[in-house]
Structures are given as structure tokens and as C-alpha cells.
Amino acid sequence: SDTDRALVLLEEYCKKLRKPEEQQLKKAIRKVMGIFKSSLFQALLGSFAKKATRHGTISHPLLPVAVAYDVLGCQKD
């Protein structure tokens, strides 16, 4: 799923964070990963997607991936 893809990206980035000054960022990313894995987030994401689709306002169905890219400062494909 899209959330799984975002989690993979975040996990790969976390593996690169080894310096002591990067540990706070690593901890914050791990919190985001925990949120992505939560059933509450999944339910909210599903609800958001349904509402946005109904109203024709959804422009990027890969919301979790977009958030991961934003957190990582990566450019979206």
C-alpha cells in the first residue's frame, strides 16, 4: 500500500542517520512511522480519501508517500 511505501522510505532514511546529532531527527521520524502504522491513522486516511474523492478534491492519492517525501526533503517523482 501507499503507507507501506512511505514506511519503507522512512526506514531507509533512518538507517542513514548514525551521527549523534542526527538521533533527535531519527527519533522524530520513528514517531511518524508509528503514526503511519496506527489503526487511527489508517482510518483517518481512508475517511479523508473517501471524502476528497466524493468532492473531487483529491489531487494526490499517495498522501503517506507525499508526507514521507516532505519529511525527508526529497523531490516527488
PDB file of N, CA and C in Angstrom:
ATOM      1  N   SER A   1       0.832  -1.180   0.000  1.00  0.00           N
ATOM      2  CA  SER A   1       0.000   0.000   0.000  1.00  0.00           C
ATOM      3  C   SER A   1       0.882   1.251   0.000  1.00  0.00           C
ATOM      4  N   ASP A   2       0.256   2.383  -0.143  1.00  0.00           N
ATOM      5  CA  ASP A   2       0.978   3.655  -0.156  1.00  0.00           C
ATOM      6  C   ASP A   2       1.657   3.925   1.180  1.00  0.00           C
ATOM      7  N   THR A   3       0.970   3.559   2.256  1.00  0.00           N
ATOM      8  CA  THR A   3       1.547   3.753   3.587  1.00  0.00           C
ATOM      9  C   THR A   3       2.780   2.877   3.757  1.00  0.00           C
ATOM     10  N   ASP A   4       2.716   1.657   3.251  1.00  0.00           N
ATOM     11  CA  ASP A   4       3.869   0.755   3.330  1.00  0.00           C
ATOM     12  C   ASP A   4       5.067   1.333   2.575  1.00  0.00           C
ATOM     13  N   ARG A   5       4.795   1.927   1.426  1.00  0.00           N
ATOM     14  CA  ARG A   5       5.869   2.541   0.637  1.00  0.00           C
ATOM     15  C   ARG A   5       6.497   3.702   1.412  1.00  0.00           C
ATOM     16  N   ALA A   6       5.663   4.509   2.043  1.00  0.00           N
ATOM     17  CA  ALA A   6       6.168   5.620   2.853  1.00  0.00           C
ATOM     18  C   ALA A   6       7.017   5.102   4.010  1.00  0.00           C
ATOM     19  N   LEU A   7       6.566   4.023   4.639  1.00  0.00           N
ATOM     20  CA  LEU A   7       7.314   3.445   5.756  1.00  0.00           C
ATOM     21  C   LEU A   7       8.670   2.922   5.301  1.00  0.00           C
ATOM     22  N   VAL A   8       8.721   2.321   4.128  1.00  0.00           N
ATOM     23  CA  VAL A   8       9.992   1.829   3.586  1.00  0.00           C
ATOM     24  C   VAL A   8      10.955   2.999   3.366  1.00  0.00           C
ATOM     25  N   LEU A   9      10.446   4.087   2.784  1.00  0.00           N
ATOM     26  CA  LEU A   9      11.283   5.268   2.549  1.00  0.00           C
ATOM     27  C   LEU A   9      11.822   5.843   3.857  1.00  0.00           C
ATOM     28  N   LEU A  10      10.952   5.938   4.843  1.00  0.00           N
ATOM     29  CA  LEU A  10      11.370   6.474   6.135  1.00  0.00           C
ATOM     30  C   LEU A  10      12.383   5.557   6.819  1.00  0.00           C
ATOM     31  N   GLU A  11      12.160   4.261   6.731  1.00  0.00           N
ATOM     32  CA  GLU A  11      13.087   3.304   7.344  1.00  0.00           C
ATOM     33  C   GLU A  11      14.458   3.375   6.683  1.00  0.00           C
ATOM     34  N   GLU A  12      14.482   3.468   5.358  1.00  0.00           N
ATOM     35  CA  GLU A  12      15.759   3.587   4.642  1.00  0.00           C
ATOM     36  C   GLU A  12      16.503   4.849   5.076  1.00  0.00           C
ATOM     37  N   TYR A  13      15.767   5.938   5.233  1.00  0.00           N
ATOM     38  CA  TYR A  13      16.387   7.188   5.655  1.00  0.00           C
ATOM     39  C   TYR A  13      16.922   7.072   7.076  1.00  0.00           C
ATOM     40  N   CYS A  14      16.161   6.438   7.953  1.00  0.00           N
ATOM     41  CA  CYS A  14      16.586   6.275   9.352  1.00  0.00           C
ATOM     42  C   CYS A  14      17.892   5.497   9.446  1.00  0.00           C
ATOM     43  N   LYS A  15      18.070   4.529   8.584  1.00  0.00           N
ATOM     44  CA  LYS A  15      19.296   3.722   8.602  1.00  0.00           C
ATOM     45  C   LYS A  15      20.528   4.570   8.309  1.00  0.00           C
ATOM     46  N   LYS A  16      20.339   5.674   7.607  1.00  0.00           N
ATOM     47  CA  LYS A  16      21.457   6.557   7.255  1.00  0.00           C
ATOM     48  C   LYS A  16      21.804   7.535   8.379  1.00  0.00           C
ATOM     49  N   LEU A  17      20.934   7.647   9.356  1.00  0.00           N
ATOM     50  CA  LEU A  17      21.144   8.592  10.451  1.00  0.00           C
ATOM     51  C   LEU A  17      21.940   7.922  11.566  1.00  0.00           C
ATOM     52  N   ARG A  18      23.247   8.148  11.567  1.00  0.00           N
ATOM     53  CA  ARG A  18      24.112   7.480  12.532  1.00  0.00           C
ATOM     54  C   ARG A  18      24.846   8.445  13.449  1.00  0.00           C
ATOM     55  N   LYS A  19      24.958   9.693  13.037  1.00  0.00           N
ATOM     56  CA  LYS A  19      25.699  10.665  13.835  1.00  0.00           C
ATOM     57  C   LYS A  19      24.901  11.023  15.094  1.00  0.00           C
ATOM     58  N   PRO A  20      25.602  11.345  16.174  1.00  0.00           N
ATOM     59  CA  PRO A  20      24.898  11.704  17.413  1.00  0.00           C
ATOM     60  C   PRO A  20      23.912  12.864  17.234  1.00  0.00           C
ATOM     61  N   GLU A  21      24.281  13.840  16.429  1.00  0.00           N
ATOM     62  CA  GLU A  21      23.397  14.986  16.236  1.00  0.00           C
ATOM     63  C   GLU A  21      22.173  14.657  15.373  1.00  0.00           C
ATOM     64  N   GLU A  22      22.159  13.500  14.751  1.00  0.00           N
ATOM     65  CA  GLU A  22      21.021  13.081  13.932  1.00  0.00           C
ATOM     66  C   GLU A  22      20.018  12.218  14.695  1.00  0.00           C
ATOM     67  N   GLN A  23      20.341  11.882  15.925  1.00  0.00           N
ATOM     68  CA  GLN A  23      19.494  10.962  16.680  1.00  0.00           C
ATOM     69  C   GLN A  23      18.142  11.560  17.050  1.00  0.00           C
ATOM     70  N   GLN A  24      18.088  12.868  17.267  1.00  0.00           N
ATOM     71  CA  GLN A  24      16.806  13.501  17.559  1.00  0.00           C
ATOM     72  C   GLN A  24      15.890  13.427  16.332  1.00  0.00           C
ATOM     73  N   LEU A  25      16.453  13.662  15.151  1.00  0.00           N
ATOM     74  CA  LEU A  25      15.689  13.540  13.917  1.00  0.00           C
ATOM     75  C   LEU A  25      15.223  12.100  13.716  1.00  0.00           C
ATOM     76  N   LYS A  26      16.112  11.159  13.982  1.00  0.00           N
ATOM     77  CA  LYS A  26      15.770   9.745  13.852  1.00  0.00           C
ATOM     78  C   LYS A  26      14.600   9.380  14.775  1.00  0.00           C
ATOM     79  N   LYS A  27      14.635   9.892  15.987  1.00  0.00           N
ATOM     80  CA  LYS A  27      13.561   9.633  16.949  1.00  0.00           C
ATOM     81  C   LYS A  27      12.239  10.212  16.443  1.00  0.00           C
ATOM     82  N   ALA A  28      12.282  11.415  15.875  1.00  0.00           N
ATOM     83  CA  ALA A  28      11.074  12.055  15.349  1.00  0.00           C
ATOM     84  C   ALA A  28      10.515  11.269  14.161  1.00  0.00           C
ATOM     85  N   ILE A  29      11.385  10.796  13.308  1.00  0.00           N
ATOM     86  CA  ILE A  29      10.938  10.011  12.150  1.00  0.00           C
ATOM     87  C   ILE A  29      10.316   8.701  12.619  1.00  0.00           C
ATOM     88  N   ARG A  30      10.900   8.094  13.626  1.00  0.00           N
ATOM     89  CA  ARG A  30      10.327   6.852  14.173  1.00  0.00           C
ATOM     90  C   ARG A  30       8.924   7.104  14.734  1.00  0.00           C
ATOM     91  N   LYS A  31       8.701   8.280  15.317  1.00  0.00           N
ATOM     92  CA  LYS A  31       7.358   8.627  15.804  1.00  0.00           C
ATOM     93  C   LYS A  31       6.382   8.728  14.639  1.00  0.00           C
ATOM     94  N   VAL A  32       6.817   9.367  13.560  1.00  0.00           N
ATOM     95  CA  VAL A  32       5.975   9.470  12.359  1.00  0.00           C
ATOM     96  C   VAL A  32       5.658   8.075  11.835  1.00  0.00           C
ATOM     97  N   MET A  33       6.638   7.207  11.829  1.00  0.00           N
ATOM     98  CA  MET A  33       6.424   5.832  11.369  1.00  0.00           C
ATOM     99  C   MET A  33       5.388   5.128  12.244  1.00  0.00           C
ATOM    100  N   GLY A  34       5.465   5.356  13.538  1.00  0.00           N
ATOM    101  CA  GLY A  34       4.485   4.765  14.450  1.00  0.00           C
ATOM    102  C   GLY A  34       3.080   5.266  14.158  1.00  0.00           C
ATOM    103  N   ILE A  35       2.982   6.545  13.841  1.00  0.00           N
ATOM    104  CA  ILE A  35       1.681   7.114  13.486  1.00  0.00           C
ATOM    105  C   ILE A  35       1.160   6.476  12.213  1.00  0.00           C
ATOM    106  N   PHE A  36       2.018   6.356  11.204  1.00  0.00           N
ATOM    107  CA  PHE A  36       1.605   5.739   9.934  1.00  0.00           C
ATOM    108  C   PHE A  36       1.108   4.310  10.142  1.00  0.00           C
ATOM    109  N   LYS A  37       1.686   3.609  11.118  1.00  0.00           N
ATOM    110  CA  LYS A  37       1.308   2.216  11.378  1.00  0.00           C
ATOM    111  C   LYS A  37       0.036   2.095  12.206  1.00  0.00           C
ATOM    112  N   SER A  38      -0.385   3.188  12.823  1.00  0.00           N
ATOM    113  CA  SER A  38      -1.531   3.112  13.728  1.00  0.00           C
ATOM    114  C   SER A  38      -2.848   2.909  12.984  1.00  0.00           C
ATOM    115  N   SER A  39      -3.756   2.217  13.634  1.00  0.00           N
ATOM    116  CA  SER A  39      -5.071   1.982  13.036  1.00  0.00           C
ATOM    117  C   SER A  39      -5.860   3.288  12.937  1.00  0.00           C
ATOM    118  N   LEU A  40      -5.628   4.216  13.854  1.00  0.00           N
ATOM    119  CA  LEU A  40      -6.301   5.508  13.796  1.00  0.00           C
ATOM    120  C   LEU A  40      -5.895   6.265  12.527  1.00  0.00           C
ATOM    121  N   PHE A  41      -4.606   6.301  12.243  1.00  0.00           N
ATOM    122  CA  PHE A  41      -4.136   6.989  11.034  1.00  0.00           C
ATOM    123  C   PHE A  41      -4.740   6.348   9.792  1.00  0.00           C
ATOM    124  N   GLN A  42      -4.741   5.019   9.762  1.00  0.00           N
ATOM    125  CA  GLN A  42      -5.298   4.317   8.606  1.00  0.00           C
ATOM    126  C   GLN A  42      -6.779   4.644   8.426  1.00  0.00           C
ATOM    127  N   ALA A  43      -7.506   4.704   9.522  1.00  0.00           N
ATOM    128  CA  ALA A  43      -8.932   5.027   9.453  1.00  0.00           C
ATOM    129  C   ALA A  43      -9.137   6.462   8.976  1.00  0.00           C
ATOM    130  N   LEU A  44      -8.353   7.387   9.514  1.00  0.00           N
ATOM    131  CA  LEU A  44      -8.460   8.788   9.098  1.00  0.00           C
ATOM    132  C   LEU A  44      -8.073   8.966   7.640  1.00  0.00           C
ATOM    133  N   LEU A  45      -7.050   8.276   7.214  1.00  0.00           N
ATOM    134  CA  LEU A  45      -6.616   8.347   5.822  1.00  0.00           C
ATOM    135  C   LEU A  45      -7.705   7.831   4.892  1.00  0.00           C
ATOM    136  N   GLY A  46      -8.320   6.718   5.271  1.00  0.00           N
ATOM    137  CA  GLY A  46      -9.414   6.164   4.473  1.00  0.00           C
ATOM    138  C   GLY A  46     -10.591   7.108   4.413  1.00  0.00           C
ATOM    139  N   SER A  47     -10.927   7.720   5.532  1.00  0.00           N
ATOM    140  CA  SER A  47     -12.032   8.670   5.588  1.00  0.00           C
ATOM    141  C   SER A  47     -11.731   9.895   4.737  1.00  0.00           C
ATOM    142  N   PHE A  48     -10.512  10.414   4.849  1.00  0.00           N
ATOM    143  CA  PHE A  48     -10.103  11.575   4.064  1.00  0.00           C
ATOM    144  C   PHE A  48     -10.183  11.268   2.574  1.00  0.00           C
ATOM    145  N   ALA A  49      -9.673  10.112   2.176  1.00  0.00           N
ATOM    146  CA  ALA A  49      -9.673   9.747   0.759  1.00  0.00           C
ATOM    147  C   ALA A  49     -11.088   9.628   0.224  1.00  0.00           C
ATOM    148  N   LYS A  50     -11.987   9.027   1.008  1.00  0.00           N
ATOM    149  CA  LYS A  50     -13.381   8.895   0.571  1.00  0.00           C
ATOM    150  C   LYS A  50     -14.037  10.258   0.390  1.00  0.00           C
ATOM    151  N   LYS A  51     -13.857  11.148   1.371  1.00  0.00           N
ATOM    152  CA  LYS A  51     -14.455  12.477   1.295  1.00  0.00           C
ATOM    153  C   LYS A  51     -13.868  13.281   0.144  1.00  0.00           C
ATOM    154  N   ALA A  52     -12.559  13.235   0.007  1.00  0.00           N
ATOM    155  CA  ALA A  52     -11.901  14.006  -1.045  1.00  0.00           C
ATOM    156  C   ALA A  52     -12.304  13.505  -2.426  1.00  0.00           C
ATOM    157  N   THR A  53     -12.420  12.200  -2.567  1.00  0.00           N
ATOM    158  CA  THR A  53     -12.837  11.632  -3.844  1.00  0.00           C
ATOM    159  C   THR A  53     -14.270  12.039  -4.166  1.00  0.00           C
ATOM    160  N   ARG A  54     -15.129  11.995  -3.165  1.00  0.00           N
ATOM    161  CA  ARG A  54     -16.531  12.379  -3.332  1.00  0.00           C
ATOM    162  C   ARG A  54     -16.664  13.834  -3.781  1.00  0.00           C
ATOM    163  N   HIS A  55     -15.797  14.696  -3.231  1.00  0.00           N
ATOM    164  CA  HIS A  55     -15.876  16.123  -3.536  1.00  0.00           C
ATOM    165  C   HIS A  55     -14.965  16.517  -4.703  1.00  0.00           C
ATOM    166  N   GLY A  56     -14.253  15.547  -5.246  1.00  0.00           N
ATOM    167  CA  GLY A  56     -13.371  15.827  -6.379  1.00  0.00           C
ATOM    168  C   GLY A  56     -12.164  16.666  -6.022  1.00  0.00           C
ATOM    169  N   THR A  57     -11.755  16.640  -4.746  1.00  0.00           N
ATOM    170  CA  THR A  57     -10.635  17.487  -4.326  1.00  0.00           C
ATOM    171  C   THR A  57      -9.340  16.725  -4.135  1.00  0.00           C
ATOM    172  N   ILE A  58      -9.378  15.420  -4.296  1.00  0.00           N
ATOM    173  CA  ILE A  58      -8.138  14.666  -4.088  1.00  0.00           C
ATOM    174  C   ILE A  58      -7.244  14.838  -5.311  1.00  0.00           C
ATOM    175  N   SER A  59      -6.039  15.281  -5.070  1.00  0.00           N
ATOM    176  CA  SER A  59      -5.120  15.512  -6.177  1.00  0.00           C
ATOM    177  C   SER A  59      -3.916  14.580  -6.112  1.00  0.00           C
ATOM    178  N   HIS A  60      -3.668  13.999  -4.966  1.00  0.00           N
ATOM    179  CA  HIS A  60      -2.523  13.106  -4.820  1.00  0.00           C
ATOM    180  C   HIS A  60      -2.923  11.934  -3.934  1.00  0.00           C
ATOM    181  N   PRO A  61      -3.255  10.792  -4.552  1.00  0.00           N
ATOM    182  CA  PRO A  61      -3.717   9.648  -3.759  1.00  0.00           C
ATOM    183  C   PRO A  61      -2.632   9.024  -2.887  1.00  0.00           C
ATOM    184  N   LEU A  62      -1.399   9.403  -3.084  1.00  0.00           N
ATOM    185  CA  LEU A  62      -0.300   8.831  -2.318  1.00  0.00           C
ATOM    186  C   LEU A  62       0.069   9.723  -1.136  1.00  0.00           C
ATOM    187  N   LEU A  63      -0.922  10.094  -0.345  1.00  0.00           N
ATOM    188  CA  LEU A  63      -0.716  11.024   0.769  1.00  0.00           C
ATOM    189  C   LEU A  63       0.406  10.582   1.710  1.00  0.00           C
ATOM    190  N   PRO A  64       0.441   9.338   2.185  1.00  0.00           N
ATOM    191  CA  PRO A  64       1.526   8.953   3.095  1.00  0.00           C
ATOM    192  C   PRO A  64       2.900   9.089   2.449  1.00  0.00           C
ATOM    193  N   VAL A  65       2.992   8.747   1.183  1.00  0.00           N
ATOM    194  CA  VAL A  65       4.273   8.867   0.472  1.00  0.00           C
ATOM    195  C   VAL A  65       4.653  10.333   0.343  1.00  0.00           C
ATOM    196  N   ALA A  66       3.679  11.183   0.042  1.00  0.00           N
ATOM    197  CA  ALA A  66       3.940  12.619  -0.065  1.00  0.00           C
ATOM    198  C   ALA A  66       4.452  13.171   1.263  1.00  0.00           C
ATOM    199  N   VAL A  67       3.851  12.738   2.354  1.00  0.00           N
ATOM    200  CA  VAL A  67       4.297  13.183   3.679  1.00  0.00           C
ATOM    201  C   VAL A  67       5.722  12.700   3.930  1.00  0.00           C
ATOM    202  N   ALA A  68       6.009  11.455   3.594  1.00  0.00           N
ATOM    203  CA  ALA A  68       7.360  10.919   3.797  1.00  0.00           C
ATOM    204  C   ALA A  68       8.378  11.706   2.991  1.00  0.00           C
ATOM    205  N   TYR A  69       8.060  11.993   1.734  1.00  0.00           N
ATOM    206  CA  TYR A  69       8.972  12.780   0.910  1.00  0.00           C
ATOM    207  C   TYR A  69       9.197  14.159   1.506  1.00  0.00           C
ATOM    208  N   ASP A  70       8.133  14.781   2.024  1.00  0.00           N
ATOM    209  CA  ASP A  70       8.268  16.094   2.649  1.00  0.00           C
ATOM    210  C   ASP A  70       9.167  16.026   3.881  1.00  0.00           C
ATOM    211  N   VAL A  71       8.975  14.999   4.694  1.00  0.00           N
ATOM    212  CA  VAL A  71       9.798  14.828   5.896  1.00  0.00           C
ATOM    213  C   VAL A  71      11.266  14.651   5.516  1.00  0.00           C
ATOM    214  N   LEU A  72      11.491  13.895   4.445  1.00  0.00           N
ATOM    215  CA  LEU A  72      12.859  13.604   4.025  1.00  0.00           C
ATOM    216  C   LEU A  72      13.465  14.703   3.176  1.00  0.00           C
ATOM    217  N   GLY A  73      12.646  15.631   2.718  1.00  0.00           N
ATOM    218  CA  GLY A  73      13.149  16.702   1.863  1.00  0.00           C
ATOM    219  C   GLY A  73      13.476  16.224   0.463  1.00  0.00           C
ATOM    220  N   CYS A  74      12.820  15.151   0.029  1.00  0.00           N
ATOM    221  CA  CYS A  74      13.051  14.591  -1.301  1.00  0.00           C
ATOM    222  C   CYS A  74      12.100  15.217  -2.308  1.00  0.00           C
ATOM    223  N   GLN A  75      12.499  15.150  -3.566  1.00  0.00           N
ATOM    224  CA  GLN A  75      11.591  15.573  -4.619  1.00  0.00           C
ATOM    225  C   GLN A  75      10.694  14.413  -4.972  1.00  0.00           C
ATOM    226  N   LYS A  76       9.445  14.715  -5.270  1.00  0.00           N
ATOM    227  CA  LYS A  76       8.474  13.688  -5.636  1.00  0.00           C
ATOM    228  C   LYS A  76       8.664  13.306  -7.087  1.00  0.00           C
ATOM    229  N   ASP A  77       8.491  12.020  -7.376  1.00  0.00           N
ATOM    230  CA  ASP A  77       8.615  11.535  -8.762  1.00  0.00           C
ATOM    231  C   ASP A  77       7.392  11.923  -9.563  1.00  0.00           C
TER     232      ASP A  77
END
